[in-house]
Amino acid sequence: MVLARSSIREELKRTLRDHLALAETHPLEECSLDVGSVAAALRISRTTLYKYGLNREINEAEQRQRENMWLSGPAIEQQFYTDRIRNLTAELQQGRQRSKSVIARIAIMEANAARLGFDPEEMYKPILKPLRGISRAGNSGKRHGRTPLDSILMSVCGRHGATS
């Protein structure tokens, strides 16, 4: 299931970002930022970090740590929050774009429904639940010359065929 994998990825990404933000404020000697040490600190496999492409974030954080080696902790924290706001703004923009595309697709579907003679409001009605009282296991629907409708009528009404 794709949802489970993406939720694991998102949770791991969130944990990694928290760890990297904290580690960037420490000197390189105290907290080294490489895939092996980050994997050990998070208690996960290095291959998991590579699998989800998180090694790039670790390498970028290591580069920032080296660049900011002479900056103070509050300045690094301020820069982190500035970058975080920039990233969240970009994610928000992507979400808005996806929302607009979904709205456009719904408008096209409604226009096509009206063009084909359907009431567009009919598309929003829930689908009826299938009849679960009748087992169709192993039944191809053509047994004894009966159609599926005949089988349903027979089970519901007790009739032997649609015309009886």
N, C-alpha and C. Protein backbone atom coordinates (compact mmCIF):
# COMPACT_ATOMS: atom_id res chain seq x y z
N MET A 1 0.84 -1.17 0.00
CA MET A 1 0.00 0.00 0.00
C MET A 1 0.89 1.25 0.00
N VAL A 2 0.64 2.15 -0.87
CA VAL A 2 1.48 3.32 -1.04
C VAL A 2 1.36 4.28 0.13
N LEU A 3 0.20 4.37 0.72
CA LEU A 3 0.00 5.30 1.82
C LEU A 3 0.90 4.99 3.00
N ALA A 4 1.07 3.72 3.30
CA ALA A 4 1.90 3.35 4.43
C ALA A 4 3.34 3.77 4.19
N ARG A 5 3.85 3.55 3.00
CA ARG A 5 5.22 3.91 2.69
C ARG A 5 5.42 5.43 2.76
N SER A 6 4.48 6.18 2.23
CA SER A 6 4.65 7.63 2.26
C SER A 6 4.56 8.17 3.68
N SER A 7 3.73 7.55 4.54
CA SER A 7 3.66 8.02 5.91
C SER A 7 4.94 7.70 6.66
N ILE A 8 5.55 6.55 6.38
CA ILE A 8 6.83 6.21 6.98
C ILE A 8 7.88 7.20 6.52
N ARG A 9 7.87 7.50 5.23
CA ARG A 9 8.83 8.44 4.67
C ARG A 9 8.66 9.82 5.30
N GLU A 10 7.42 10.28 5.44
CA GLU A 10 7.18 11.60 6.01
C GLU A 10 7.60 11.65 7.48
N GLU A 11 7.30 10.60 8.23
CA GLU A 11 7.69 10.56 9.64
C GLU A 11 9.21 10.55 9.78
N LEU A 12 9.87 9.78 8.94
CA LEU A 12 11.32 9.72 8.97
C LEU A 12 11.93 11.06 8.56
N LYS A 13 11.33 11.69 7.56
CA LYS A 13 11.81 12.99 7.11
C LYS A 13 11.67 14.04 8.21
N ARG A 14 10.55 14.02 8.92
CA ARG A 14 10.32 14.96 10.01
C ARG A 14 11.33 14.75 11.13
N THR A 15 11.56 13.49 11.50
CA THR A 15 12.53 13.17 12.54
C THR A 15 13.93 13.59 12.13
N LEU A 16 14.26 13.32 10.88
CA LEU A 16 15.59 13.67 10.37
C LEU A 16 15.79 15.18 10.38
N ARG A 17 14.79 15.93 9.94
CA ARG A 17 14.92 17.39 9.92
C ARG A 17 15.09 17.96 11.33
N ASP A 18 14.37 17.39 12.28
CA ASP A 18 14.53 17.84 13.67
C ASP A 18 15.95 17.58 14.17
N HIS A 19 16.45 16.38 13.86
CA HIS A 19 17.80 16.03 14.29
C HIS A 19 18.84 16.92 13.61
N LEU A 20 18.68 17.15 12.32
CA LEU A 20 19.64 17.97 11.58
C LEU A 20 19.63 19.41 12.08
N ALA A 21 18.44 19.93 12.40
CA ALA A 21 18.36 21.29 12.90
C ALA A 21 19.11 21.43 14.22
N LEU A 22 18.97 20.44 15.07
CA LEU A 22 19.68 20.46 16.34
C LEU A 22 21.18 20.26 16.15
N ALA A 23 21.54 19.34 15.28
CA ALA A 23 22.95 19.02 15.07
C ALA A 23 23.71 20.16 14.40
N GLU A 24 23.03 20.93 13.56
CA GLU A 24 23.70 22.04 12.88
C GLU A 24 24.15 23.12 13.87
N THR A 25 23.49 23.22 15.00
CA THR A 25 23.87 24.25 15.97
C THR A 25 25.11 23.86 16.76
N HIS A 26 25.49 22.59 16.74
CA HIS A 26 26.67 22.12 17.47
C HIS A 26 27.89 22.15 16.56
N PRO A 27 29.06 22.27 17.15
CA PRO A 27 30.29 22.24 16.34
C PRO A 27 30.46 20.88 15.66
N LEU A 28 31.25 20.88 14.61
CA LEU A 28 31.48 19.68 13.82
C LEU A 28 32.11 18.56 14.66
N GLU A 29 32.94 18.92 15.63
CA GLU A 29 33.60 17.92 16.46
C GLU A 29 32.61 17.22 17.39
N GLU A 30 31.62 17.96 17.87
CA GLU A 30 30.64 17.39 18.79
C GLU A 30 29.63 16.50 18.08
N CYS A 31 29.18 16.96 16.95
CA CYS A 31 28.10 16.25 16.24
C CYS A 31 28.39 16.26 14.75
N SER A 32 28.99 15.18 14.28
CA SER A 32 29.30 15.13 12.85
C SER A 32 28.05 14.72 12.07
N LEU A 33 27.91 15.31 10.92
CA LEU A 33 26.75 15.03 10.09
C LEU A 33 27.18 14.25 8.85
N ASP A 34 27.16 12.96 8.97
CA ASP A 34 27.34 12.08 7.82
C ASP A 34 26.27 11.00 7.94
N VAL A 35 26.08 10.27 6.89
CA VAL A 35 24.97 9.31 6.85
C VAL A 35 25.10 8.28 7.97
N GLY A 36 26.30 7.80 8.21
CA GLY A 36 26.49 6.78 9.24
C GLY A 36 26.16 7.27 10.63
N SER A 37 26.66 8.45 11.00
CA SER A 37 26.40 8.95 12.36
C SER A 37 24.94 9.36 12.54
N VAL A 38 24.34 9.91 11.50
CA VAL A 38 22.91 10.27 11.60
C VAL A 38 22.05 9.01 11.71
N ALA A 39 22.40 7.98 10.94
CA ALA A 39 21.65 6.72 11.03
C ALA A 39 21.78 6.11 12.42
N ALA A 40 22.97 6.18 13.00
CA ALA A 40 23.17 5.65 14.35
C ALA A 40 22.38 6.47 15.37
N ALA A 41 22.38 7.79 15.21
CA ALA A 41 21.66 8.65 16.16
C ALA A 41 20.15 8.43 16.08
N LEU A 42 19.63 8.18 14.88
CA LEU A 42 18.19 7.97 14.71
C LEU A 42 17.79 6.51 14.89
N ARG A 43 18.80 5.63 15.05
CA ARG A 43 18.58 4.19 15.20
C ARG A 43 17.85 3.58 14.01
N ILE A 44 18.33 3.93 12.83
CA ILE A 44 17.79 3.34 11.60
C ILE A 44 18.96 2.91 10.72
N SER A 45 18.66 2.20 9.69
CA SER A 45 19.69 1.71 8.78
C SER A 45 20.12 2.82 7.82
N ARG A 46 21.40 2.79 7.46
CA ARG A 46 21.89 3.76 6.48
C ARG A 46 21.20 3.57 5.14
N THR A 47 20.91 2.32 4.81
CA THR A 47 20.27 2.05 3.51
C THR A 47 18.87 2.67 3.44
N THR A 48 18.21 2.79 4.60
CA THR A 48 16.89 3.43 4.63
C THR A 48 17.02 4.90 4.25
N LEU A 49 18.06 5.55 4.75
CA LEU A 49 18.28 6.96 4.41
C LEU A 49 18.56 7.10 2.92
N TYR A 50 19.37 6.19 2.38
CA TYR A 50 19.65 6.23 0.94
C TYR A 50 18.40 5.91 0.12
N LYS A 51 17.61 4.94 0.61
CA LYS A 51 16.40 4.52 -0.11
C LYS A 51 15.43 5.67 -0.33
N TYR A 52 15.24 6.49 0.72
CA TYR A 52 14.31 7.60 0.62
C TYR A 52 14.97 8.89 0.14
N GLY A 53 16.25 8.81 -0.24
CA GLY A 53 16.94 9.99 -0.77
C GLY A 53 17.23 11.05 0.27
N LEU A 54 17.30 10.66 1.53
CA LEU A 54 17.52 11.62 2.60
C LEU A 54 19.00 11.94 2.80
N ASN A 55 19.86 11.19 2.12
CA ASN A 55 21.29 11.46 2.23
C ASN A 55 21.63 12.85 1.67
N ARG A 56 20.85 13.32 0.71
CA ARG A 56 21.08 14.67 0.17
C ARG A 56 20.83 15.73 1.23
N GLU A 57 19.77 15.55 2.01
CA GLU A 57 19.49 16.51 3.08
C GLU A 57 20.59 16.48 4.13
N ILE A 58 21.11 15.30 4.41
CA ILE A 58 22.20 15.19 5.38
C ILE A 58 23.45 15.89 4.86
N ASN A 59 23.75 15.67 3.58
CA ASN A 59 24.93 16.32 2.99
C ASN A 59 24.77 17.84 2.98
N GLU A 60 23.55 18.32 2.68
CA GLU A 60 23.31 19.77 2.68
C GLU A 60 23.45 20.33 4.10
N ALA A 61 22.96 19.59 5.09
CA ALA A 61 23.07 20.04 6.47
C ALA A 61 24.54 20.06 6.91
N GLU A 62 25.31 19.08 6.46
CA GLU A 62 26.73 19.07 6.79
C GLU A 62 27.43 20.28 6.18
N GLN A 63 27.06 20.61 4.94
CA GLN A 63 27.64 21.77 4.29
C GLN A 63 27.28 23.06 5.04
N ARG A 64 26.02 23.17 5.46
CA ARG A 64 25.61 24.34 6.22
C ARG A 64 26.34 24.41 7.56
N GLN A 65 26.55 23.24 8.17
CA GLN A 65 27.26 23.20 9.44
C GLN A 65 28.70 23.71 9.26
N ARG A 66 29.32 23.32 8.16
CA ARG A 66 30.69 23.78 7.90
C ARG A 66 30.71 25.29 7.61
N GLU A 67 29.71 25.76 6.85
CA GLU A 67 29.66 27.19 6.52
C GLU A 67 29.36 28.04 7.74
N ASN A 68 28.51 27.54 8.61
CA ASN A 68 28.08 28.30 9.78
C ASN A 68 28.92 28.00 11.02
N MET A 69 30.08 27.42 10.82
CA MET A 69 30.90 27.02 11.94
C MET A 69 31.23 28.21 12.84
N TRP A 70 31.35 29.39 12.25
CA TRP A 70 31.76 30.56 13.03
C TRP A 70 30.57 31.40 13.48
N LEU A 71 29.36 31.02 13.06
CA LEU A 71 28.17 31.76 13.49
C LEU A 71 27.73 31.31 14.88
N SER A 72 26.97 32.14 15.53
CA SER A 72 26.46 31.79 16.86
C SER A 72 25.21 30.93 16.73
N GLY A 73 24.81 30.30 17.81
CA GLY A 73 23.63 29.44 17.82
C GLY A 73 22.35 30.14 17.41
N PRO A 74 22.06 31.36 17.96
CA PRO A 74 20.82 32.05 17.56
C PRO A 74 20.80 32.42 16.07
N ALA A 75 21.94 32.75 15.50
CA ALA A 75 21.98 33.10 14.08
C ALA A 75 21.69 31.86 13.22
N ILE A 76 22.22 30.73 13.63
CA ILE A 76 21.96 29.48 12.91
C ILE A 76 20.49 29.11 13.03
N GLU A 77 19.94 29.29 14.22
CA GLU A 77 18.52 28.99 14.42
C GLU A 77 17.64 29.89 13.57
N GLN A 78 18.00 31.16 13.50
CA GLN A 78 17.24 32.10 12.67
C GLN A 78 17.29 31.70 11.20
N GLN A 79 18.47 31.29 10.75
CA GLN A 79 18.62 30.87 9.36
C GLN A 79 17.81 29.59 9.09
N PHE A 80 17.80 28.67 10.07
CA PHE A 80 17.02 27.45 9.92
C PHE A 80 15.54 27.77 9.75
N TYR A 81 15.02 28.66 10.60
CA TYR A 81 13.61 29.00 10.53
C TYR A 81 13.29 29.74 9.23
N THR A 82 14.21 30.56 8.76
CA THR A 82 14.00 31.24 7.48
C THR A 82 13.90 30.21 6.34
N ASP A 83 14.81 29.24 6.36
CA ASP A 83 14.78 28.18 5.34
C ASP A 83 13.50 27.35 5.47
N ARG A 84 13.10 27.06 6.69
CA ARG A 84 11.89 26.27 6.91
C ARG A 84 10.65 26.99 6.38
N ILE A 85 10.58 28.30 6.64
CA ILE A 85 9.45 29.09 6.13
C ILE A 85 9.45 29.08 4.61
N ARG A 86 10.62 29.20 4.01
CA ARG A 86 10.72 29.17 2.55
C ARG A 86 10.24 27.82 2.00
N ASN A 87 10.65 26.72 2.64
CA ASN A 87 10.23 25.39 2.20
C ASN A 87 8.73 25.18 2.38
N LEU A 88 8.18 25.63 3.50
CA LEU A 88 6.75 25.48 3.74
C LEU A 88 5.93 26.33 2.77
N THR A 89 6.44 27.50 2.42
CA THR A 89 5.76 28.34 1.44
C THR A 89 5.72 27.65 0.08
N ALA A 90 6.84 27.00 -0.28
CA ALA A 90 6.88 26.27 -1.56
C ALA A 90 5.89 25.10 -1.54
N GLU A 91 5.82 24.37 -0.41
CA GLU A 91 4.87 23.27 -0.30
C GLU A 91 3.43 23.77 -0.37
N LEU A 92 3.16 24.91 0.24
CA LEU A 92 1.83 25.50 0.20
C LEU A 92 1.45 25.86 -1.24
N GLN A 93 2.39 26.42 -1.96
CA GLN A 93 2.14 26.79 -3.36
C GLN A 93 1.85 25.54 -4.20
N GLN A 94 2.59 24.46 -3.95
CA GLN A 94 2.33 23.21 -4.67
C GLN A 94 0.94 22.67 -4.33
N GLY A 95 0.55 22.76 -3.07
CA GLY A 95 -0.79 22.30 -2.66
C GLY A 95 -1.88 23.11 -3.33
N ARG A 96 -1.68 24.41 -3.42
CA ARG A 96 -2.66 25.26 -4.11
C ARG A 96 -2.76 24.89 -5.58
N GLN A 97 -1.62 24.60 -6.20
CA GLN A 97 -1.63 24.23 -7.62
C GLN A 97 -2.37 22.92 -7.82
N ARG A 98 -2.13 21.94 -6.93
CA ARG A 98 -2.85 20.66 -7.03
C ARG A 98 -4.35 20.87 -6.84
N SER A 99 -4.72 21.74 -5.90
CA SER A 99 -6.13 22.02 -5.65
C SER A 99 -6.79 22.64 -6.87
N LYS A 100 -6.09 23.57 -7.50
CA LYS A 100 -6.64 24.20 -8.71
C LYS A 100 -6.80 23.19 -9.83
N SER A 101 -5.86 22.25 -9.96
CA SER A 101 -5.98 21.25 -11.02
C SER A 101 -7.14 20.30 -10.76
N VAL A 102 -7.39 19.96 -9.49
CA VAL A 102 -8.53 19.10 -9.16
C VAL A 102 -9.84 19.82 -9.46
N ILE A 103 -9.93 21.09 -9.11
CA ILE A 103 -11.13 21.87 -9.40
C ILE A 103 -11.37 21.96 -10.90
N ALA A 104 -10.29 22.14 -11.66
CA ALA A 104 -10.42 22.20 -13.12
C ALA A 104 -10.93 20.88 -13.68
N ARG A 105 -10.44 19.76 -13.15
CA ARG A 105 -10.90 18.45 -13.63
C ARG A 105 -12.37 18.23 -13.30
N ILE A 106 -12.80 18.65 -12.13
CA ILE A 106 -14.21 18.51 -11.75
C ILE A 106 -15.08 19.37 -12.66
N ALA A 107 -14.62 20.58 -12.98
CA ALA A 107 -15.39 21.44 -13.88
C ALA A 107 -15.51 20.81 -15.26
N ILE A 108 -14.45 20.20 -15.74
CA ILE A 108 -14.49 19.52 -17.05
C ILE A 108 -15.46 18.35 -16.99
N MET A 109 -15.43 17.58 -15.89
CA MET A 109 -16.35 16.44 -15.76
C MET A 109 -17.80 16.91 -15.75
N GLU A 110 -18.08 18.00 -15.03
CA GLU A 110 -19.45 18.51 -14.99
C GLU A 110 -19.89 19.02 -16.36
N ALA A 111 -18.98 19.68 -17.07
CA ALA A 111 -19.31 20.18 -18.41
C ALA A 111 -19.58 19.02 -19.36
N ASN A 112 -18.77 17.97 -19.27
CA ASN A 112 -18.97 16.80 -20.12
C ASN A 112 -20.27 16.09 -19.78
N ALA A 113 -20.62 16.04 -18.50
CA ALA A 113 -21.87 15.41 -18.11
C ALA A 113 -23.05 16.18 -18.69
N ALA A 114 -23.01 17.50 -18.61
CA ALA A 114 -24.08 18.32 -19.17
C ALA A 114 -24.13 18.16 -20.69
N ARG A 115 -22.97 18.08 -21.32
CA ARG A 115 -22.91 17.93 -22.77
C ARG A 115 -23.49 16.59 -23.21
N LEU A 116 -23.30 15.54 -22.39
CA LEU A 116 -23.81 14.21 -22.73
C LEU A 116 -25.25 14.01 -22.27
N GLY A 117 -25.85 15.02 -21.67
CA GLY A 117 -27.26 14.93 -21.30
C GLY A 117 -27.50 14.45 -19.88
N PHE A 118 -26.49 14.36 -19.07
CA PHE A 118 -26.65 13.96 -17.67
C PHE A 118 -26.75 15.20 -16.81
N ASP A 119 -27.47 15.06 -15.72
CA ASP A 119 -27.51 16.14 -14.74
C ASP A 119 -26.21 16.09 -13.94
N PRO A 120 -25.39 17.14 -13.97
CA PRO A 120 -24.11 17.10 -13.25
C PRO A 120 -24.26 16.83 -11.75
N GLU A 121 -25.41 17.18 -11.17
CA GLU A 121 -25.61 16.92 -9.75
C GLU A 121 -25.75 15.43 -9.45
N GLU A 122 -26.11 14.62 -10.47
CA GLU A 122 -26.24 13.18 -10.29
C GLU A 122 -24.89 12.54 -9.98
N MET A 123 -23.80 13.19 -10.40
CA MET A 123 -22.46 12.63 -10.16
C MET A 123 -22.11 12.63 -8.68
N TYR A 124 -22.76 13.43 -7.88
CA TYR A 124 -22.42 13.55 -6.48
C TYR A 124 -23.26 12.66 -5.58
N LYS A 125 -24.20 11.93 -6.14
CA LYS A 125 -25.00 11.01 -5.35
C LYS A 125 -24.17 9.77 -5.03
N PRO A 126 -24.35 9.21 -3.84
CA PRO A 126 -23.57 8.01 -3.50
C PRO A 126 -24.00 6.82 -4.35
N ILE A 127 -23.06 5.93 -4.58
CA ILE A 127 -23.32 4.72 -5.36
C ILE A 127 -24.07 3.74 -4.46
N LEU A 128 -25.07 3.05 -5.01
CA LEU A 128 -25.83 2.07 -4.24
C LEU A 128 -24.93 0.90 -3.87
N LYS A 129 -25.16 0.37 -2.69
CA LYS A 129 -24.39 -0.78 -2.24
C LYS A 129 -24.83 -2.01 -3.01
N PRO A 130 -23.91 -2.90 -3.34
CA PRO A 130 -24.30 -4.12 -4.05
C PRO A 130 -25.08 -5.06 -3.14
N LEU A 131 -25.85 -5.96 -3.75
CA LEU A 131 -26.60 -6.95 -2.98
C LEU A 131 -25.62 -7.97 -2.43
N ARG A 132 -25.50 -8.02 -1.13
CA ARG A 132 -24.53 -8.93 -0.51
C ARG A 132 -25.20 -10.23 -0.03
N GLY A 133 -26.49 -10.30 -0.11
CA GLY A 133 -27.19 -11.48 0.37
C GLY A 133 -27.07 -12.67 -0.57
N ILE A 134 -26.59 -12.44 -1.77
CA ILE A 134 -26.51 -13.50 -2.77
C ILE A 134 -25.04 -13.80 -3.02
N SER A 135 -24.66 -15.05 -2.85
CA SER A 135 -23.28 -15.44 -3.11
C SER A 135 -23.11 -15.66 -4.60
N ARG A 136 -22.07 -15.10 -5.12
CA ARG A 136 -21.77 -15.28 -6.54
C ARG A 136 -20.49 -16.08 -6.72
N ALA A 137 -20.06 -16.74 -5.69
CA ALA A 137 -18.82 -17.51 -5.75
C ALA A 137 -18.97 -18.66 -6.72
N GLY A 138 -18.13 -18.69 -7.72
CA GLY A 138 -18.15 -19.77 -8.70
C GLY A 138 -19.29 -19.69 -9.67
N ASN A 139 -20.09 -18.66 -9.63
CA ASN A 139 -21.25 -18.53 -10.51
C ASN A 139 -20.92 -17.54 -11.60
N SER A 140 -20.88 -18.00 -12.82
CA SER A 140 -20.56 -17.11 -13.93
C SER A 140 -21.78 -16.33 -14.40
N GLY A 141 -22.96 -16.64 -13.89
CA GLY A 141 -24.17 -15.92 -14.26
C GLY A 141 -24.91 -16.56 -15.43
N LYS A 142 -24.35 -17.57 -16.03
CA LYS A 142 -24.99 -18.21 -17.20
C LYS A 142 -25.39 -19.64 -16.88
N ARG A 143 -25.47 -19.96 -15.63
CA ARG A 143 -25.82 -21.30 -15.21
C ARG A 143 -27.30 -21.56 -15.49
N HIS A 144 -27.58 -22.66 -16.07
CA HIS A 144 -28.95 -23.10 -16.39
C HIS A 144 -29.67 -22.10 -17.28
N GLY A 145 -28.96 -21.35 -18.08
CA GLY A 145 -29.59 -20.43 -19.00
C GLY A 145 -30.17 -19.19 -18.35
N ARG A 146 -29.85 -18.95 -17.09
CA ARG A 146 -30.38 -17.79 -16.39
C ARG A 146 -29.41 -16.62 -16.50
N THR A 147 -29.95 -15.45 -16.54
CA THR A 147 -29.13 -14.24 -16.51
C THR A 147 -28.96 -13.84 -15.05
N PRO A 148 -28.02 -12.99 -14.75
CA PRO A 148 -27.88 -12.54 -13.35
C PRO A 148 -29.14 -11.88 -12.81
N LEU A 149 -29.89 -11.19 -13.67
CA LEU A 149 -31.13 -10.56 -13.23
C LEU A 149 -32.16 -11.61 -12.84
N ASP A 150 -32.23 -12.70 -13.60
CA ASP A 150 -33.15 -13.79 -13.26
C ASP A 150 -32.79 -14.40 -11.92
N SER A 151 -31.49 -14.56 -11.66
CA SER A 151 -31.06 -15.13 -10.38
C SER A 151 -31.46 -14.23 -9.22
N ILE A 152 -31.32 -12.93 -9.41
CA ILE A 152 -31.67 -11.99 -8.35
C ILE A 152 -33.18 -12.02 -8.11
N LEU A 153 -33.94 -11.98 -9.20
CA LEU A 153 -35.40 -12.00 -9.05
C LEU A 153 -35.85 -13.29 -8.39
N MET A 154 -35.21 -14.39 -8.73
CA MET A 154 -35.59 -15.67 -8.17
C MET A 154 -35.31 -15.68 -6.67
N SER A 155 -34.16 -15.14 -6.25
CA SER A 155 -33.84 -15.17 -4.83
C SER A 155 -34.68 -14.18 -4.03
N VAL A 156 -35.00 -13.04 -4.62
CA VAL A 156 -35.74 -12.01 -3.92
C VAL A 156 -37.24 -12.30 -3.94
N CYS A 157 -37.77 -12.63 -5.10
CA CYS A 157 -39.21 -12.80 -5.25
C CYS A 157 -39.67 -14.24 -5.20
N GLY A 158 -38.74 -15.16 -5.30
CA GLY A 158 -39.13 -16.58 -5.31
C GLY A 158 -39.65 -17.01 -6.66
N ARG A 159 -39.45 -16.24 -7.69
CA ARG A 159 -39.94 -16.58 -9.01
C ARG A 159 -38.88 -17.34 -9.79
N HIS A 160 -39.32 -18.07 -10.80
CA HIS A 160 -38.40 -18.81 -11.66
C HIS A 160 -38.33 -18.11 -12.99
N GLY A 161 -37.69 -16.97 -13.04
CA GLY A 161 -37.57 -16.22 -14.28
C GLY A 161 -38.24 -14.89 -14.15
N ALA A 162 -37.94 -14.01 -15.07
CA ALA A 162 -38.44 -12.65 -15.02
C ALA A 162 -39.89 -12.55 -15.49
N THR A 163 -40.36 -13.50 -16.28
CA THR A 163 -41.70 -13.37 -16.87
C THR A 163 -42.74 -14.19 -16.13
N SER A 164 -42.37 -15.03 -15.18
CA SER A 164 -43.34 -15.89 -14.50
C SER A 164 -44.26 -15.12 -13.62
